[in-house]
C-alpha atoms as a PDB file:
ATOM      1  CA  UNK A   1      -8.676 -14.628  -3.264  1.00  0.00           C
ATOM      2  CA  UNK A   2     -12.102 -13.350  -2.294  1.00  0.00           C
ATOM      3  CA  UNK A   3     -10.610  -9.934  -1.492  1.00  0.00           C
ATOM      4  CA  UNK A   4      -9.103  -9.774  -4.982  1.00  0.00           C
ATOM      5  CA  UNK A   5     -12.364 -10.779  -6.650  1.00  0.00           C
ATOM      6  CA  UNK A   6     -14.295  -8.196  -4.617  1.00  0.00           C
ATOM      7  CA  UNK A   7     -11.769  -5.449  -5.396  1.00  0.00           C
ATOM      8  CA  UNK A   8     -11.776  -6.322  -9.106  1.00  0.00           C
ATOM      9  CA  UNK A   9     -15.576  -6.280  -9.149  1.00  0.00           C
ATOM     10  CA  UNK A  10     -15.591  -2.785  -7.627  1.00  0.00           C
ATOM     11  CA  UNK A  11     -13.074  -1.559 -10.214  1.00  0.00           C
ATOM     12  CA  UNK A  12     -14.313  -3.509 -13.241  1.00  0.00           C
ATOM     13  CA  UNK A  13     -15.981  -0.465 -14.789  1.00  0.00           C
ATOM     14  CA  UNK A  14     -12.548   1.202 -14.980  1.00  0.00           C
ATOM     15  CA  UNK A  15     -11.060  -1.656 -17.031  1.00  0.00           C
ATOM     16  CA  UNK A  16     -10.579  -0.323 -20.553  1.00  0.00           C
ATOM     17  CA  UNK A  17      -9.533  -3.561 -22.289  1.00  0.00           C
ATOM     18  CA  UNK A  18     -11.519  -6.610 -21.227  1.00  0.00           C
ATOM     19  CA  UNK A  19      -8.863  -8.852 -22.781  1.00  0.00           C
ATOM     20  CA  UNK A  20      -6.520  -7.629 -20.026  1.00  0.00           C
ATOM     21  CA  UNK A  21      -8.828  -8.884 -17.260  1.00  0.00           C
ATOM     22  CA  UNK A  22      -6.507 -11.708 -16.178  1.00  0.00           C
ATOM     23  CA  UNK A  23      -3.593  -9.286 -15.719  1.00  0.00           C
ATOM     24  CA  UNK A  24      -5.949  -6.823 -13.990  1.00  0.00           C
ATOM     25  CA  UNK A  25      -7.099  -9.498 -11.509  1.00  0.00           C
ATOM     26  CA  UNK A  26      -3.575 -10.819 -10.920  1.00  0.00           C
ATOM     27  CA  UNK A  27      -2.238  -7.308 -10.236  1.00  0.00           C
ATOM     28  CA  UNK A  28      -4.982  -6.697  -7.694  1.00  0.00           C
ATOM     29  CA  UNK A  29      -4.311 -10.040  -5.991  1.00  0.00           C
ATOM     30  CA  UNK A  30      -0.561  -9.363  -5.768  1.00  0.00           C
ATOM     31  CA  UNK A  31      -1.115  -5.892  -4.283  1.00  0.00           C
ATOM     32  CA  UNK A  32      -3.559  -7.207  -1.695  1.00  0.00           C
ATOM     33  CA  UNK A  33      -1.150  -9.994  -0.722  1.00  0.00           C
ATOM     34  CA  UNK A  34       1.812  -7.607  -0.415  1.00  0.00           C
ATOM     35  CA  UNK A  35      -0.226  -5.231   1.758  1.00  0.00           C
ATOM     36  CA  UNK A  36      -1.313  -8.073   4.054  1.00  0.00           C
ATOM     37  CA  UNK A  37       2.262  -9.319   4.447  1.00  0.00           C
ATOM     38  CA  UNK A  38       3.523  -5.783   5.085  1.00  0.00           C
ATOM     39  CA  UNK A  39       0.778  -5.048   7.612  1.00  0.00           C
ATOM     40  CA  UNK A  40       1.469  -8.309   9.423  1.00  0.00           C
ATOM     41  CA  UNK A  41       5.142  -7.352   9.756  1.00  0.00           C
ATOM     42  CA  UNK A  42       4.295  -3.867  11.009  1.00  0.00           C
ATOM     43  CA  UNK A  43       1.421  -4.739  13.322  1.00  0.00           C
ATOM     44  CA  UNK A  44       2.578  -8.135  14.618  1.00  0.00           C
ATOM     45  CA  UNK A  45       2.345  -8.600  18.360  1.00  0.00           C
ATOM     46  CA  UNK A  46       5.546  -8.518  20.388  1.00  0.00           C
ATOM     47  CA  UNK A  47       5.481 -12.291  20.843  1.00  0.00           C
ATOM     48  CA  UNK A  48       5.177 -12.808  17.070  1.00  0.00           C
ATOM     49  CA  UNK A  49       7.861 -10.237  16.344  1.00  0.00           C
ATOM     50  CA  UNK A  50      10.397 -12.035  18.509  1.00  0.00           C
ATOM     51  CA  UNK A  51      13.913 -10.713  18.130  1.00  0.00           C
ATOM     52  CA  UNK A  52      13.349  -8.925  14.824  1.00  0.00           C
ATOM     53  CA  UNK A  53      15.781  -6.091  14.376  1.00  0.00           C
ATOM     54  CA  UNK A  54      16.699  -3.619  11.690  1.00  0.00           C
ATOM     55  CA  UNK A  55      19.740  -5.747  10.776  1.00  0.00           C
ATOM     56  CA  UNK A  56      17.369  -8.566   9.782  1.00  0.00           C
ATOM     57  CA  UNK A  57      15.443  -6.417   7.331  1.00  0.00           C
ATOM     58  CA  UNK A  58      16.468  -5.666   3.779  1.00  0.00           C
ATOM     59  CA  UNK A  59      16.619  -1.936   4.532  1.00  0.00           C
ATOM     60  CA  UNK A  60      19.675  -0.442   6.115  1.00  0.00           C
ATOM     61  CA  UNK A  61      19.467   2.436   8.601  1.00  0.00           C
ATOM     62  CA  UNK A  62      20.940   4.619   5.858  1.00  0.00           C
ATOM     63  CA  UNK A  63      18.126   3.653   3.441  1.00  0.00           C
ATOM     64  CA  UNK A  64      15.531   4.502   6.075  1.00  0.00           C
ATOM     65  CA  UNK A  65      17.206   7.859   6.736  1.00  0.00           C
ATOM     66  CA  UNK A  66      17.119   8.642   3.012  1.00  0.00           C
ATOM     67  CA  UNK A  67      13.455   7.684   2.841  1.00  0.00           C
ATOM     68  CA  UNK A  68      12.558   9.875   5.812  1.00  0.00           C
ATOM     69  CA  UNK A  69      14.540  12.768   4.339  1.00  0.00           C
ATOM     70  CA  UNK A  70      12.763  12.421   0.992  1.00  0.00           C
ATOM     71  CA  UNK A  71       9.357  12.239   2.683  1.00  0.00           C
ATOM     72  CA  UNK A  72      10.057  15.324   4.758  1.00  0.00           C
ATOM     73  CA  UNK A  73      10.906  17.253   1.567  1.00  0.00           C
ATOM     74  CA  UNK A  74       7.407  16.663   0.153  1.00  0.00           C
ATOM     75  CA  UNK A  75       4.548  19.096   0.710  1.00  0.00           C
ATOM     76  CA  UNK A  76       2.306  17.945   3.546  1.00  0.00           C
ATOM     77  CA  UNK A  77      -0.647  16.955   1.313  1.00  0.00           C
ATOM     78  CA  UNK A  78       1.570  14.818  -0.934  1.00  0.00           C
ATOM     79  CA  UNK A  79       3.293  13.196   2.045  1.00  0.00           C
ATOM     80  CA  UNK A  80      -0.105  12.427   3.606  1.00  0.00           C
ATOM     81  CA  UNK A  81      -1.397  10.964   0.318  1.00  0.00           C
ATOM     82  CA  UNK A  82       1.633   8.734  -0.036  1.00  0.00           C
ATOM     83  CA  UNK A  83       1.377   7.505   3.554  1.00  0.00           C
ATOM     84  CA  UNK A  84      -2.349   6.806   3.227  1.00  0.00           C
ATOM     85  CA  UNK A  85      -1.776   4.856   0.013  1.00  0.00           C
ATOM     86  CA  UNK A  86       1.285   2.841   1.017  1.00  0.00           C
ATOM     87  CA  UNK A  87       0.739   2.312   4.737  1.00  0.00           C
ATOM     88  CA  UNK A  88      -3.024   2.417   5.168  1.00  0.00           C
ATOM     89  CA  UNK A  89      -3.841   0.721   1.884  1.00  0.00           C
ATOM     90  CA  UNK A  90      -6.445   3.297   0.879  1.00  0.00           C
ATOM     91  CA  UNK A  91      -7.370   3.644  -2.776  1.00  0.00           C
ATOM     92  CA  UNK A  92      -6.771   6.891  -4.628  1.00  0.00           C
ATOM     93  CA  UNK A  93     -10.508   7.607  -4.507  1.00  0.00           C
ATOM     94  CA  UNK A  94     -10.581   7.058  -0.723  1.00  0.00           C
ATOM     95  CA  UNK A  95      -7.568   9.346  -0.282  1.00  0.00           C
ATOM     96  CA  UNK A  96      -9.278  12.026  -2.351  1.00  0.00           C
ATOM     97  CA  UNK A  97     -12.322  11.767  -0.073  1.00  0.00           C
ATOM     98  CA  UNK A  98     -10.171  11.925   3.079  1.00  0.00           C
ATOM     99  CA  UNK A  99      -8.286  14.967   1.816  1.00  0.00           C
ATOM    100  CA  UNK A 100     -11.418  16.712   0.550  1.00  0.00           C
ATOM    101  CA  UNK A 101     -10.501  16.682  -3.126  1.00  0.00           C
ATOM    102  CA  UNK A 102     -12.924  16.600  -6.018  1.00  0.00           C
ATOM    103  CA  UNK A 103     -13.184  13.998  -8.722  1.00  0.00           C
END
């Protein structure tokens, strides 16, 4: 919860409608939770991972092939941005800084 409060505090100036604060905070909390769960699955130690296999996941090998094909069709900068956002959890502003963009 503290991560969500801190993130909402950092982004509060971007909130256009203060009546939407509860939704704003909830959305941030859900995203942070989903990222933590995802990262735990990806970066779990071998002992924690156990016998996890691709058959146990909700994605089929075909789905993963389609995803990789779609990613490879993107220009490098867009692919990098998407990976930084989804897998590294960087904000759009942080990605802009990493890629040398201007605001």
